[in-house]
Each structure stands twice: as structure tokens, then as C-alpha cells.
Protein backbone atom coordinates (compact mmCIF):
# COMPACT_ATOMS: atom_id res chain seq x y z
CA GLY A 1 -0.01 0.02 -0.01
CA THR A 2 0.89 3.63 -0.22
CA GLY A 3 0.91 4.12 3.56
CA GLU A 4 -1.96 6.58 3.15
CA LEU A 5 -5.31 6.54 4.83
CA ASN A 6 -8.13 8.32 3.04
CA LEU A 7 -11.14 9.37 5.08
CA ALA A 8 -14.37 10.40 3.40
CA TYR A 9 -17.52 11.45 5.27
CA ASP A 10 -21.09 10.99 4.14
CA TYR A 11 -23.46 12.83 6.47
CA GLN A 12 -26.98 14.24 6.76
CA THR A 13 -26.77 18.02 6.46
CA SER A 14 -30.07 18.40 8.25
CA ILE A 15 -28.40 16.96 11.39
CA TYR A 16 -24.70 17.81 11.12
CA THR A 17 -22.81 20.93 10.00
CA ALA A 18 -19.50 20.98 8.17
CA TYR A 19 -17.98 22.18 11.49
CA ASP A 20 -19.32 19.04 13.29
CA ILE A 21 -17.69 16.82 10.63
CA ASP A 22 -14.40 18.74 10.85
CA CYS A 23 -14.39 18.23 14.65
CA THR A 24 -15.08 14.54 14.19
CA HIS A 25 -12.26 14.34 11.62
CA GLN A 26 -9.80 16.06 13.96
CA ARG A 27 -10.77 13.66 16.80
CA ILE A 28 -10.23 10.56 14.56
CA LEU A 29 -6.79 11.89 13.49
CA ASN A 30 -5.97 12.55 17.17
CA MET A 31 -6.82 8.94 18.13
CA ILE A 32 -4.80 7.55 15.22
CA ARG A 33 -1.72 9.65 16.23
CA GLN A 34 -1.93 8.36 19.82
CA ILE A 35 -2.06 4.74 18.67
CA LEU A 36 0.76 5.17 16.19
CA ASP A 37 2.93 6.82 18.89
CA LEU A 38 2.18 4.07 21.37
CA PRO A 39 0.84 0.95 19.66
CA GLU A 40 0.71 -1.05 22.91
CA MET A 41 -1.57 1.46 24.66
CA SER A 42 -4.93 0.24 25.98
CA LEU A 43 -8.02 1.40 24.05
CA ASP A 44 -9.36 2.73 27.41
CA ASP A 45 -6.47 5.20 27.46
CA VAL A 46 -7.06 6.64 23.97
CA GLU A 47 -8.43 10.19 24.27
CA ILE A 48 -11.14 11.18 21.82
CA ILE A 49 -10.71 14.88 22.69
CA THR A 50 -8.11 16.86 20.75
CA PRO A 51 -5.43 18.84 22.65
CA GLN A 52 -7.03 22.09 21.46
CA GLU A 53 -10.48 21.01 22.77
CA LYS A 54 -8.95 19.80 26.00
CA ASN A 55 -7.22 23.14 26.57
CA LYS A 56 -10.49 24.96 25.89
CA ILE A 57 -12.43 22.84 28.42
CA LEU A 58 -9.74 22.74 31.10
CA ASN A 59 -8.78 26.35 30.89
CA LYS A 60 -11.32 28.63 29.16
CA PHE A 61 -14.61 26.99 30.13
CA ASN A 62 -13.43 26.23 33.66
CA GLU A 63 -11.55 29.46 34.23
CA THR A 64 -13.68 30.43 37.25
CA ASP A 65 -11.12 31.58 39.80
CA PHE A 66 -12.52 34.28 42.08
CA SER A 67 -10.80 35.60 45.15
CA TYR A 68 -12.79 36.00 48.39
CA ASP A 69 -12.18 35.88 52.09
CA ASP A 70 -12.84 32.21 52.69
CA SER A 71 -12.26 32.56 56.43
CA LEU A 72 -15.66 34.24 56.78
CA ASN A 73 -18.69 32.25 57.80
CA ILE A 74 -22.32 32.78 56.82
CA ILE A 75 -23.09 34.51 60.18
CA ASP A 76 -20.30 37.04 59.43
CA LEU A 77 -22.10 37.92 56.17
CA PHE A 78 -25.39 38.30 57.99
CA LYS A 79 -23.85 40.50 60.74
CA LYS A 80 -22.39 42.77 58.09
CA GLN A 81 -25.92 43.47 56.87
CA VAL A 82 -27.19 43.99 60.43
CA LYS A 83 -24.56 46.72 60.77
CA LEU A 84 -25.33 48.26 57.34
CA ASN A 85 -29.14 47.94 57.41
CA PRO A 86 -30.28 47.56 61.08
CA ASP A 87 -33.80 48.98 60.49
CA LYS A 88 -34.40 47.34 57.10
CA ILE A 89 -37.05 44.64 57.07
CA ALA A 90 -35.17 41.32 57.01
CA ILE A 91 -38.05 38.81 57.04
CA ILE A 92 -41.80 38.88 56.53
CA SER A 93 -43.73 35.82 57.63
CA ASN A 94 -47.40 35.33 58.51
CA ASN A 95 -47.96 39.11 58.55
CA MET A 96 -45.07 39.64 60.96
CA ALA A 97 -42.08 41.72 59.93
CA LEU A 98 -38.71 41.70 61.68
CA SER A 99 -35.86 44.13 60.98
CA TYR A 100 -32.26 43.01 60.64
CA LYS A 101 -31.59 44.30 64.20
CA GLU A 102 -34.62 42.45 65.62
CA LEU A 103 -33.77 39.24 63.78
CA ASP A 104 -30.18 39.47 65.04
CA GLU A 105 -31.27 40.05 68.66
CA LYS A 106 -33.91 37.32 68.69
CA SER A 107 -31.48 34.80 67.20
CA ASN A 108 -28.83 35.87 69.77
CA ILE A 109 -31.35 35.26 72.61
CA LEU A 110 -32.09 31.77 71.26
CA ALA A 111 -28.44 30.93 70.60
CA ASN A 112 -27.39 31.98 74.11
CA TYR A 113 -30.35 30.06 75.56
CA LEU A 114 -29.29 26.89 73.63
CA ILE A 115 -25.69 27.32 74.83
CA ASN A 116 -26.49 28.10 78.49
CA LYS A 117 -29.55 25.89 79.14
CA HIS A 118 -28.98 23.03 76.68
CA ASN A 119 -25.21 22.94 76.44
CA ILE A 120 -25.17 23.23 72.63
CA LYS A 121 -21.57 23.40 71.50
CA PRO A 122 -19.77 23.84 68.16
CA ASN A 123 -20.23 20.92 65.76
CA ASP A 124 -23.34 19.63 67.53
CA ILE A 125 -26.16 18.61 65.21
CA VAL A 126 -29.44 20.36 66.02
CA GLY A 127 -32.65 19.32 64.32
CA ILE A 128 -35.18 21.97 63.32
CA MET A 129 -38.77 21.06 62.51
CA LEU A 130 -41.25 23.90 62.39
CA ASN A 131 -44.04 24.98 60.12
CA ARG A 132 -43.23 28.03 58.00
CA CYS A 133 -43.10 30.84 60.54
CA PRO A 134 -40.66 33.55 61.75
CA GLU A 135 -39.35 31.25 64.50
CA MET A 136 -38.04 28.90 61.79
CA ILE A 137 -35.66 31.55 60.48
CA ILE A 138 -34.65 32.72 63.96
CA GLY A 139 -33.94 29.02 64.78
CA LEU A 140 -31.65 28.53 61.75
CA LEU A 141 -29.63 31.61 62.63
CA ALA A 142 -29.45 30.68 66.30
CA ILE A 143 -28.12 27.18 65.55
CA LEU A 144 -25.37 28.59 63.35
CA LYS A 145 -24.51 31.23 65.96
CA CYS A 146 -23.82 28.37 68.41
CA GLY A 147 -21.26 27.02 65.90
CA ALA A 148 -23.63 24.06 65.55
CA THR A 149 -25.06 22.42 62.42
CA TYR A 150 -28.73 22.54 61.52
CA LEU A 151 -30.58 19.44 60.38
CA PRO A 152 -33.78 20.56 58.55
CA ILE A 153 -36.78 18.22 58.98
CA ASP A 154 -40.01 18.64 56.98
CA PRO A 155 -43.11 18.31 59.18
CA GLU A 156 -44.65 16.33 56.26
CA TYR A 157 -42.05 13.56 56.53
CA PRO A 158 -43.22 10.10 57.73
CA ASN A 159 -42.30 9.30 61.35
CA GLU A 160 -39.97 6.57 60.18
CA ARG A 161 -37.86 9.00 58.14
CA ILE A 162 -37.77 11.56 60.97
CA SER A 163 -36.54 8.91 63.44
CA TYR A 164 -33.93 7.66 60.95
CA MET A 165 -32.52 11.17 60.34
CA LEU A 166 -32.32 12.02 64.06
CA GLU A 167 -30.70 8.70 64.90
CA ASN A 168 -28.30 8.65 61.98
CA SER A 169 -27.15 12.24 62.56
CA GLU A 170 -26.94 11.80 66.35
CA ALA A 171 -28.85 15.09 66.74
CA LYS A 172 -28.47 16.55 70.23
CA THR A 173 -31.89 18.27 70.30
CA VAL A 174 -34.68 19.42 68.03
CA LEU A 175 -36.27 22.89 67.74
CA VAL A 176 -40.04 22.58 67.38
CA ASN A 177 -43.31 24.47 67.98
CA HIS A 178 -46.74 23.30 68.99
CA TYR A 179 -47.56 22.29 65.33
CA THR A 180 -44.70 19.83 65.10
CA GLU A 181 -43.57 18.61 68.52
CA GLU A 182 -45.85 15.55 68.52
CA SER A 183 -43.97 14.16 65.48
CA ILE A 184 -40.62 13.97 67.32
CA PRO A 185 -39.93 10.65 69.09
CA VAL A 186 -40.14 10.95 72.95
CA LYS A 187 -36.48 10.01 73.51
CA TYR A 188 -35.27 13.27 71.89
CA THR A 189 -34.94 16.58 73.75
CA LYS A 190 -37.42 19.03 72.18
CA ILE A 191 -37.18 22.80 72.54
CA ASP A 192 -40.40 24.62 71.82
CA ILE A 193 -39.49 28.04 70.39
CA ASP A 194 -43.07 29.15 69.63
CA PHE A 195 -43.44 32.89 70.26
CA ARG A 196 -46.53 32.21 72.34
CA HIS A 197 -44.49 30.47 75.01
CA ASN A 198 -42.52 33.65 75.81
CA LEU A 199 -39.03 32.08 75.59
CA PHE A 200 -37.74 35.29 73.99
CA GLU A 201 -39.35 37.62 76.59
CA LYS A 202 -38.15 35.52 79.52
CA ASN A 203 -34.57 35.63 78.18
CA SER A 204 -34.56 39.23 76.92
CA SER A 205 -31.26 39.97 78.61
CA LEU A 206 -29.47 37.56 76.21
CA THR A 207 -29.40 39.80 73.11
CA TYR A 208 -25.59 39.97 73.04
CA ALA A 209 -23.72 38.03 70.35
CA PRO A 210 -22.53 34.59 71.58
CA SER A 211 -18.74 34.41 71.94
CA VAL A 212 -18.29 31.37 69.67
CA ASN A 213 -15.51 31.09 67.13
CA ILE A 214 -16.99 29.62 63.93
CA ASP A 215 -14.40 28.32 61.52
CA SER A 216 -15.43 28.39 57.82
CA SER A 217 -14.78 24.63 57.63
CA THR A 218 -17.51 24.04 60.26
CA LEU A 219 -20.63 22.34 58.93
CA ALA A 220 -23.51 24.76 58.37
CA TYR A 221 -26.17 22.19 57.61
CA LEU A 222 -26.81 18.50 57.05
CA ILE A 223 -29.42 17.60 54.35
CA TYR A 224 -30.62 14.09 53.82
CA THR A 225 -31.14 12.82 50.28
CA SER A 226 -34.39 11.24 49.14
CA GLY A 227 -32.99 7.75 49.69
CA SER A 228 -34.26 6.61 46.26
CA THR A 229 -31.12 4.43 45.83
CA GLY A 230 -31.08 2.96 49.32
CA LYS A 231 -31.00 4.61 52.76
CA PRO A 232 -31.02 8.45 52.80
CA LYS A 233 -27.52 9.92 53.03
CA GLY A 234 -26.60 13.06 54.92
CA VAL A 235 -24.90 15.69 52.72
CA MET A 236 -22.59 17.93 54.76
CA ILE A 237 -22.30 21.55 53.65
CA THR A 238 -19.76 23.80 55.33
CA HIS A 239 -19.82 27.55 55.79
CA LYS A 240 -17.12 27.84 53.09
CA ASN A 241 -19.23 25.82 50.62
CA LEU A 242 -22.17 28.14 51.30
CA HIS A 243 -20.12 31.36 51.25
CA ASN A 244 -18.65 30.54 47.82
CA PHE A 245 -22.14 29.72 46.55
CA VAL A 246 -23.55 33.02 47.81
CA ASN A 247 -20.69 34.91 46.15
CA GLY A 248 -21.28 33.02 42.91
CA MET A 249 -24.95 33.92 42.84
CA LYS A 250 -24.27 37.59 43.63
CA LYS A 251 -21.83 37.76 40.79
CA LEU A 252 -24.43 36.52 38.31
CA ILE A 253 -27.74 37.85 39.70
CA ASP A 254 -28.47 41.31 41.02
CA PHE A 255 -29.07 40.60 44.71
CA ASN A 256 -29.05 44.01 46.45
CA SER A 257 -30.70 45.63 49.48
CA LYS A 258 -33.53 47.06 47.32
CA LYS A 259 -34.71 43.59 46.29
CA VAL A 260 -37.43 41.42 47.87
CA MET A 261 -37.33 37.62 47.47
CA VAL A 262 -40.16 35.17 48.18
CA SER A 263 -39.34 31.73 49.54
CA LEU A 264 -41.53 28.86 48.27
CA THR A 265 -39.14 26.02 48.90
CA THR A 266 -39.27 23.55 51.80
CA ILE A 267 -36.43 23.97 54.28
CA CYS A 268 -35.26 20.42 53.44
CA PHE A 269 -34.59 21.15 49.76
CA ASP A 270 -31.07 22.46 49.22
CA ILE A 271 -32.32 25.37 47.07
CA PHE A 272 -33.84 26.93 50.22
CA GLY A 273 -30.20 27.90 50.92
CA LEU A 274 -30.34 30.43 48.04
CA GLU A 275 -33.58 31.94 49.19
CA LEU A 276 -32.43 32.52 52.77
CA TRP A 277 -28.67 33.05 52.72
CA CYS A 278 -28.34 35.03 49.48
CA THR A 279 -31.08 37.30 50.81
CA LEU A 280 -29.83 37.84 54.36
CA SER A 281 -26.23 38.33 53.19
CA SER A 282 -27.35 41.04 50.71
CA GLY A 283 -29.54 43.24 52.94
CA MET A 284 -32.66 42.15 51.07
CA THR A 285 -36.12 41.33 52.43
CA PHE A 286 -37.01 37.63 52.73
CA VAL A 287 -40.71 36.86 52.38
CA LEU A 288 -41.50 33.36 53.74
CA ALA A 289 -44.59 31.96 52.02
CA ASN A 290 -46.63 29.85 54.41
CA GLU A 291 -48.00 26.44 53.52
CA LYS A 292 -51.14 27.86 51.92
CA GLU A 293 -49.26 30.54 49.95
CA GLN A 294 -46.76 27.88 48.75
CA ASN A 295 -49.49 25.91 47.00
CA SER A 296 -52.14 28.40 45.94
CA THR A 297 -51.56 30.71 43.00
CA LYS A 298 -54.16 33.13 44.34
CA ASP A 299 -52.54 33.37 47.78
CA LEU A 300 -49.05 33.53 46.31
CA ASN A 301 -50.13 36.30 43.95
CA ASN A 302 -51.55 38.33 46.81
CA LEU A 303 -48.44 37.78 48.97
CA CYS A 304 -46.07 38.84 46.20
CA LEU A 305 -48.08 41.92 45.20
CA LYS A 306 -48.52 43.04 48.82
CA ASN A 307 -44.77 42.83 49.52
CA ASN A 308 -43.42 44.01 46.11
CA VAL A 309 -41.61 40.71 45.55
CA ASN A 310 -39.23 40.88 42.57
CA ILE A 311 -37.11 37.63 42.83
CA ILE A 312 -38.65 34.15 42.81
CA GLN A 313 -37.03 30.73 42.68
CA THR A 314 -38.92 27.53 41.97
CA THR A 315 -38.94 24.28 40.05
CA PRO A 316 -40.31 24.15 36.50
CA SER A 317 -43.21 21.86 37.55
CA ARG A 318 -44.34 24.21 40.36
CA MET A 319 -44.13 27.24 38.11
CA GLN A 320 -46.14 25.36 35.48
CA THR A 321 -48.81 24.65 38.12
CA PHE A 322 -48.95 28.34 39.10
CA ILE A 323 -49.42 29.61 35.56
CA SER A 324 -51.90 26.83 34.62
CA SER A 325 -54.16 27.27 37.69
CA GLY A 326 -56.47 29.87 36.13
CA SER A 327 -55.77 32.31 39.00
CA SER A 328 -54.17 35.68 38.39
CA THR A 329 -50.36 35.72 37.92
CA ASP A 330 -50.06 39.54 38.04
CA PHE A 331 -47.16 39.11 40.45
CA LEU A 332 -45.00 37.87 37.57
CA LYS A 333 -45.16 41.37 35.99
CA ASN A 334 -43.14 42.76 38.93
CA ILE A 335 -40.57 40.02 38.94
CA THR A 336 -37.09 41.08 37.74
CA HIS A 337 -35.35 37.70 38.20
CA LEU A 338 -36.93 34.25 37.73
CA LEU A 339 -34.71 31.41 38.93
CA ILE A 340 -35.82 28.00 37.63
CA GLY A 341 -34.12 24.76 38.62
CA GLY A 342 -34.24 21.35 40.23
CA GLU A 343 -35.70 19.65 37.11
CA PRO A 344 -35.35 19.87 33.30
CA PHE A 345 -36.70 23.23 32.03
CA PRO A 346 -39.27 22.68 29.21
CA SER A 347 -38.97 25.14 26.33
CA ALA A 348 -42.78 25.59 26.27
CA LEU A 349 -42.64 26.88 29.87
CA LEU A 350 -39.88 29.31 28.91
CA GLU A 351 -42.07 30.67 26.07
CA ASN A 352 -45.00 31.16 28.47
CA LEU A 353 -42.83 32.91 31.07
CA ARG A 354 -41.51 35.31 28.41
CA LYS A 355 -45.12 36.32 27.65
CA LEU A 356 -46.04 36.77 31.30
CA SER A 357 -43.02 38.57 32.56
CA THR A 358 -40.18 40.86 31.48
CA ALA A 359 -37.88 39.19 34.09
CA LYS A 360 -34.48 37.79 33.42
CA ILE A 361 -34.94 34.04 33.40
CA TYR A 362 -32.24 31.65 34.62
CA ASN A 363 -31.89 27.92 34.34
CA MET A 364 -30.06 26.59 37.43
CA TYR A 365 -28.44 23.23 38.00
CA GLY A 366 -26.63 21.56 40.88
CA PRO A 367 -26.76 18.45 43.07
CA THR A 368 -27.22 18.75 46.85
CA GLU A 369 -23.51 17.90 47.27
CA THR A 370 -22.49 21.23 45.68
CA ALA A 371 -24.22 23.66 48.11
CA VAL A 372 -27.21 24.36 45.88
CA TRP A 373 -26.44 25.43 42.27
CA SER A 374 -23.15 24.82 40.51
CA THR A 375 -24.05 26.02 36.99
CA VAL A 376 -26.30 28.85 35.78
CA HIS A 377 -27.55 29.85 32.36
CA ASP A 378 -29.31 33.12 31.50
CA VAL A 379 -31.96 31.79 29.08
CA THR A 380 -33.96 35.03 28.76
CA ASN A 381 -33.17 35.37 25.05
CA GLU A 382 -31.77 31.90 24.33
CA GLN A 383 -33.24 29.34 21.95
CA ASN A 384 -31.43 26.41 23.54
CA ILE A 385 -31.91 25.68 27.22
CA SER A 386 -28.68 24.34 28.63
CA ILE A 387 -27.42 24.23 32.22
CA GLY A 388 -24.84 26.86 31.27
CA LYS A 389 -21.42 27.37 32.81
CA PRO A 390 -19.93 26.72 36.25
CA ILE A 391 -20.22 29.46 38.86
CA ILE A 392 -17.08 30.96 40.52
CA ASN A 393 -14.43 28.54 41.88
CA THR A 394 -16.29 25.61 40.31
CA GLN A 395 -15.21 23.25 37.51
CA CYS A 396 -17.39 20.93 35.43
CA TYR A 397 -16.08 18.00 33.31
CA VAL A 398 -17.95 15.54 31.16
CA LEU A 399 -16.02 12.21 31.35
CA ASP A 400 -16.43 8.77 29.84
CA LYS A 401 -16.64 5.50 31.81
CA ASN A 402 -12.86 5.49 32.14
CA ASN A 403 -12.84 9.07 33.54
CA MET A 404 -11.36 10.49 30.29
CA PRO A 405 -12.51 13.95 29.18
CA LEU A 406 -15.00 14.03 26.34
CA PRO A 407 -15.34 16.74 23.67
CA TYR A 408 -18.26 19.22 23.40
CA GLY A 409 -21.51 17.58 22.30
CA VAL A 410 -20.55 14.06 23.39
CA SER A 411 -22.63 12.48 26.19
CA GLY A 412 -20.92 11.26 29.37
CA ASP A 413 -21.04 11.66 33.16
CA LEU A 414 -20.80 15.14 34.67
CA PHE A 415 -18.12 15.57 37.36
CA ILE A 416 -18.08 18.72 39.47
CA ALA A 417 -15.18 20.11 41.48
CA GLY A 418 -14.44 23.28 43.45
CA ASP A 419 -15.21 25.27 46.59
CA GLY A 420 -18.88 24.33 46.61
CA VAL A 421 -18.41 20.56 46.76
CA SER A 422 -19.07 18.88 50.08
CA LYS A 423 -16.13 16.85 51.28
CA ARG A 424 -17.98 13.57 51.88
CA LEU A 425 -21.31 12.14 52.94
CA PHE A 426 -22.18 11.94 56.63
CA LYS A 427 -21.06 8.50 57.88
């Protein structure tokens, strides 16, 4: 033979472009070169991706370095806003409004009470199971101010799951109110923080900040997975994971003290972390929809209009339910940022949202193990809905079954690295 290899390509132009075929050609040449250079190499070690493509993915696509003070914890970010905006409304829940100063003081009272009366120490796991009320937010802040880790428990969970989570996590105590305390097994210490029981008034001298040193590597929360592939696993998210995530969101989305965000998400879904911590670390107002407002378009509409809500985050299916209910969705006209995630985003829903709102629309993606979202795509004017690019200090790689990088457009498994990734699963 001539020692030549001739390659010809016959392809459907309705599916592939000349550029696609050129990329395929370069990849085939790249594989041939590797095999010629090292004939004894295993097929598993042959890289499809060309050096140019690899450089693009490793460096340009994943060039997400962003410098921040990673020694700060999430309470530091909240305290900064207390100092900047003491009289600004921090949370609205069940027709009650608390300023940043009031929220800070009430959570200090509870944190000091937990430390003094219940011996809560740094790294303790503290369960929290309340209906959607102001005490829930005060409780979350108080647990973190003790240097402890919060374990969110949905009151709707079956008793078996609640018992499993408390036992597996070795939770020291559980914050409850009169709606939820009956669901906690008798052997656990329960602390009723319902306003009606005057815990805050009786301990009103405890408004000072607890003197606890919270390292950014301390766990902020422990969220249990659905357990669809076996027993539920506890995902451990540190203050640093959360801090990087908050910074990443602020860099992409206009979170500022003039904004108002509504929270529709259950406390046990990782995306609740965006609603609460991005809001309270930006001097914004956090509007906590109660159980009725979470599920009724009419009540949600009234809540959002009453409080001038302009940022909303939800799953595609829930948003679809809202706009299909037949009730007014006037609130969408005031929304400036619509954050959609947790499930595939149907293009028909995107079209409908464009008609109902002038908001910027984002498709968000991220597993629980990456402190909420790890990639974001502004799809406001896009035809193709993808999960976009990694946020700051985050890298995404699509690899084959041998953990070799794959080129653009080739299916594989998504691997995520960076400051948002939890170190391991609990136990």
C-alpha cells in the first residue's frame, strides 16, 4: 500500500454541520496519532478529545477563579448586613415583619439560651422542625450562631424517616413548635421556640452576640437525600461551601438591598439555601410563603403583590402549576429575576414565562452535594436551554466510563469540582 489513509464522510446536512464533521475528523486523527505513537496502549487510554479542545475545556470553560475571604462564615455575612441595614425589614412571615436588628437580637437570645440551658456546642447537630413561621428563620440563625449544624426536617415527613434522620445524625436536640412537637420521638430533647411560650421575653437579657468562634470549615447544615437508591444519606455543607455559593450567585444575579425575594421552597430542599442566605447576606427582604401561599396561585399572587416581591425561585413543575391554575399571575409582571431549577426546564414553559414577565430568566443546575447550584444559564433570550457554565471557583467536566474527558457535544457523566463541593457524605 501507499501508507496513506483516506477518510471520506457521508453525512446528513439536516443533522450535522460541516463544522461538526471537521471536529469529528480532527478527533479521529488525534486517536490515530496516539495509537501510532504508542501501539501497545490500551483502548481505554485513547483520548477522543483533541489537545485544542482539552485546553478549551480545562482552561477557558473552567476558568472560574474568584478571590474572596474564605475565612468568613455565613453569620459574618449576616452580621455585616445587620450593621449596614439595622432597620431594614429582614423577614416577613405570617404578617409579621422583623428588621435586621430584631432578627439578630432574637437569634442571639435563642443561641445563648441553647448554649446556656442546653449545652449546645460547636459541631453539635441540632434538628429543626417547624411549620413556615418567623421562628423557623430565627432558629436557623441561632443554631449557626452556636457554631452548631442545622438538620432541617420537613413536618410532612413520615415518622420513620424523621426517626432515621435524628438517629443517623446523632442530633443533640430538636427545635419545634406546637404544630410539630408531637412528630418527634419521645427520646429526643425538644425545645419549643413558639413565640406564644414567651421564651424570648423571659430571656430578653441575652441579646448579646454569643462568643463562639466559627471556623469556615464548620458544617452549616446536614441535608438528607431522598434515599431513592437505598437509605437516605446526609450531605454535609460547610460555611465555606455556602459562602462561595452566595458569592457566585451575587456575581451573576443582581441581589441588592432594594430587592425582595419570596421563599416557596421547603427547608429540606437544598435550594432553600439560596432563598435565605443570598437574601440575608445582601440586605434584602426575605418573604416566607406559608404552607397555603406555597401551594395556591391566588394566595401567592396576593403575597407577592402586597410585599413588592421581585425575585422568585422555583422548580419548573411548580411554576407550570402556578401559571396553569387559572388564577391571576399579576405578580410575575413585577418580577425582575426568575430562577428556575431542580428539574429539566421545558422550552414551552420558557415561552410562556416570556409572555407573562419581563424578568431575566435563569436555568439553574446543581446536586445537593455542591451547596445548591453549581451552573447557571441566563436563558432570557436563548433558543437552547442548557445548564450553562460553572459558577465561581467551580469546575465541570464531562467524562467517559474510564474518567477520560469528552469533547463538546458528546454524552458522558458530569463531574463537578471546586469550593462548593461537600467533602464527603455523613457516615
